[in-house]
């Protein structure tokens, strides 16, 4: 992940090599936990990837 942004429930993540993906209706707390996580990839796979529509 090269960039992570959250705005009004939309989480935007830029992946190195594949570009930007948007995930909708993501609570701000999930975004904050992602930023604070030691392994953003592990957190993403466990808490965002299959939980929110893109």
N, C-alpha and C. Protein backbone atom coordinates (compact mmCIF):
# COMPACT_ATOMS: atom_id res chain seq x y z
N UNK A 1 0.84 -1.17 0.00
CA UNK A 1 0.00 0.00 0.00
C UNK A 1 0.89 1.23 0.00
N UNK A 2 0.61 2.08 -0.95
CA UNK A 2 1.44 3.28 -1.03
C UNK A 2 0.73 4.52 -0.50
N UNK A 3 -0.61 4.42 -0.36
CA UNK A 3 -1.38 5.57 0.12
C UNK A 3 -2.72 5.07 0.64
N UNK A 4 -3.20 5.68 1.73
CA UNK A 4 -4.47 5.31 2.33
C UNK A 4 -5.20 6.59 2.72
N UNK A 5 -6.47 6.70 2.29
CA UNK A 5 -7.28 7.87 2.64
C UNK A 5 -8.68 7.41 3.01
N UNK A 6 -9.36 8.18 3.85
CA UNK A 6 -10.75 7.92 4.22
C UNK A 6 -11.51 9.23 4.15
N UNK A 7 -12.71 9.21 3.52
CA UNK A 7 -13.55 10.40 3.45
C UNK A 7 -15.01 9.98 3.42
N UNK A 8 -15.74 10.35 4.45
CA UNK A 8 -17.19 10.10 4.53
C UNK A 8 -17.57 8.65 4.27
N UNK A 9 -16.81 7.73 4.81
CA UNK A 9 -17.13 6.31 4.68
C UNK A 9 -16.46 5.60 3.52
N UNK A 10 -15.79 6.34 2.64
CA UNK A 10 -15.09 5.71 1.53
C UNK A 10 -13.61 5.61 1.86
N UNK A 11 -13.12 4.39 1.91
CA UNK A 11 -11.71 4.13 2.16
C UNK A 11 -11.04 3.91 0.81
N UNK A 12 -10.06 4.73 0.49
CA UNK A 12 -9.30 4.61 -0.76
C UNK A 12 -7.91 4.12 -0.43
N UNK A 13 -7.52 3.05 -1.11
CA UNK A 13 -6.20 2.46 -0.90
C UNK A 13 -5.52 2.34 -2.25
N UNK A 14 -4.31 2.85 -2.34
CA UNK A 14 -3.49 2.72 -3.54
C UNK A 14 -2.52 1.57 -3.30
N UNK A 15 -2.62 0.56 -4.14
CA UNK A 15 -1.73 -0.60 -4.05
C UNK A 15 -0.61 -0.43 -5.07
N UNK A 16 0.60 -0.69 -4.64
CA UNK A 16 1.76 -0.60 -5.52
C UNK A 16 1.58 -1.58 -6.67
N UNK A 17 1.61 -1.07 -7.87
CA UNK A 17 1.51 -1.92 -9.04
C UNK A 17 0.11 -2.13 -9.58
N UNK A 18 -0.93 -1.94 -8.76
CA UNK A 18 -2.28 -2.18 -9.28
C UNK A 18 -3.22 -0.98 -9.14
N UNK A 19 -2.77 0.08 -8.49
CA UNK A 19 -3.55 1.31 -8.45
C UNK A 19 -4.52 1.43 -7.29
N UNK A 20 -5.49 2.31 -7.49
CA UNK A 20 -6.42 2.70 -6.43
C UNK A 20 -7.66 1.81 -6.40
N UNK A 21 -8.06 1.45 -5.18
CA UNK A 21 -9.31 0.73 -4.96
C UNK A 21 -10.08 1.48 -3.88
N UNK A 22 -11.39 1.59 -4.07
CA UNK A 22 -12.26 2.25 -3.10
C UNK A 22 -13.14 1.21 -2.42
N UNK A 23 -13.30 1.34 -1.11
CA UNK A 23 -14.15 0.47 -0.31
C UNK A 23 -15.17 1.36 0.38
N UNK A 24 -16.44 0.97 0.30
CA UNK A 24 -17.54 1.84 0.71
C UNK A 24 -18.14 1.44 2.06
N UNK A 25 -18.67 2.44 2.76
CA UNK A 25 -19.32 2.26 4.06
C UNK A 25 -18.36 1.72 5.12
N UNK A 26 -17.12 2.14 5.05
CA UNK A 26 -16.11 1.72 6.02
C UNK A 26 -16.15 2.70 7.20
N UNK A 27 -16.37 2.19 8.41
CA UNK A 27 -16.37 3.08 9.58
C UNK A 27 -15.00 3.73 9.78
N UNK A 28 -15.02 4.93 10.30
CA UNK A 28 -13.76 5.64 10.55
C UNK A 28 -12.87 4.86 11.51
N UNK A 29 -13.46 4.11 12.44
CA UNK A 29 -12.66 3.33 13.39
C UNK A 29 -11.84 2.26 12.68
N UNK A 30 -12.38 1.67 11.61
CA UNK A 30 -11.62 0.67 10.84
C UNK A 30 -10.44 1.35 10.15
N UNK A 31 -10.67 2.51 9.59
CA UNK A 31 -9.58 3.28 8.97
C UNK A 31 -8.50 3.60 9.99
N UNK A 32 -8.89 4.05 11.16
CA UNK A 32 -7.92 4.38 12.21
C UNK A 32 -7.15 3.15 12.67
N UNK A 33 -7.85 2.03 12.79
CA UNK A 33 -7.16 0.78 13.18
C UNK A 33 -6.19 0.32 12.09
N UNK A 34 -6.57 0.51 10.82
CA UNK A 34 -5.66 0.17 9.72
C UNK A 34 -4.39 1.00 9.81
N UNK A 35 -4.54 2.30 10.02
CA UNK A 35 -3.37 3.17 10.11
C UNK A 35 -2.47 2.79 11.29
N UNK A 36 -3.06 2.34 12.39
CA UNK A 36 -2.31 2.01 13.59
C UNK A 36 -1.73 0.60 13.58
N UNK A 37 -2.15 -0.22 12.63
CA UNK A 37 -1.73 -1.62 12.64
C UNK A 37 -0.25 -1.77 12.27
N UNK A 38 0.36 -2.78 12.85
CA UNK A 38 1.76 -3.09 12.53
C UNK A 38 1.90 -3.59 11.10
N UNK A 39 0.96 -4.46 10.72
CA UNK A 39 0.98 -5.01 9.36
C UNK A 39 -0.30 -4.60 8.65
N UNK A 40 -0.20 -3.61 7.82
CA UNK A 40 -1.37 -3.11 7.12
C UNK A 40 -1.95 -4.16 6.17
N UNK A 41 -1.11 -4.95 5.56
CA UNK A 41 -1.58 -6.01 4.67
C UNK A 41 -2.39 -7.05 5.41
N UNK A 42 -1.91 -7.47 6.57
CA UNK A 42 -2.63 -8.45 7.37
C UNK A 42 -3.95 -7.88 7.86
N UNK A 43 -3.94 -6.63 8.33
CA UNK A 43 -5.18 -6.00 8.78
C UNK A 43 -6.16 -5.88 7.63
N UNK A 44 -5.68 -5.44 6.48
CA UNK A 44 -6.53 -5.30 5.30
C UNK A 44 -7.18 -6.63 4.94
N UNK A 45 -6.39 -7.69 4.87
CA UNK A 45 -6.92 -9.00 4.50
C UNK A 45 -7.94 -9.52 5.51
N UNK A 46 -7.73 -9.25 6.78
CA UNK A 46 -8.62 -9.78 7.80
C UNK A 46 -9.84 -8.94 8.12
N UNK A 47 -9.79 -7.64 7.82
CA UNK A 47 -10.86 -6.75 8.27
C UNK A 47 -11.51 -5.90 7.19
N UNK A 48 -10.94 -5.85 5.99
CA UNK A 48 -11.49 -4.96 4.96
C UNK A 48 -11.79 -5.71 3.67
N UNK A 49 -10.84 -6.46 3.19
CA UNK A 49 -10.88 -7.05 1.84
C UNK A 49 -12.23 -7.66 1.46
N UNK A 50 -12.75 -8.57 2.24
CA UNK A 50 -14.01 -9.23 1.89
C UNK A 50 -15.20 -8.72 2.70
N UNK A 51 -15.00 -7.63 3.44
CA UNK A 51 -16.05 -7.09 4.30
C UNK A 51 -16.78 -5.90 3.70
N UNK A 52 -16.13 -5.18 2.82
CA UNK A 52 -16.71 -3.95 2.27
C UNK A 52 -16.65 -3.99 0.75
N UNK A 53 -17.71 -3.49 0.11
CA UNK A 53 -17.77 -3.48 -1.36
C UNK A 53 -16.75 -2.53 -1.95
N UNK A 54 -16.23 -2.90 -3.08
CA UNK A 54 -15.28 -2.03 -3.76
C UNK A 54 -15.78 -1.71 -5.15
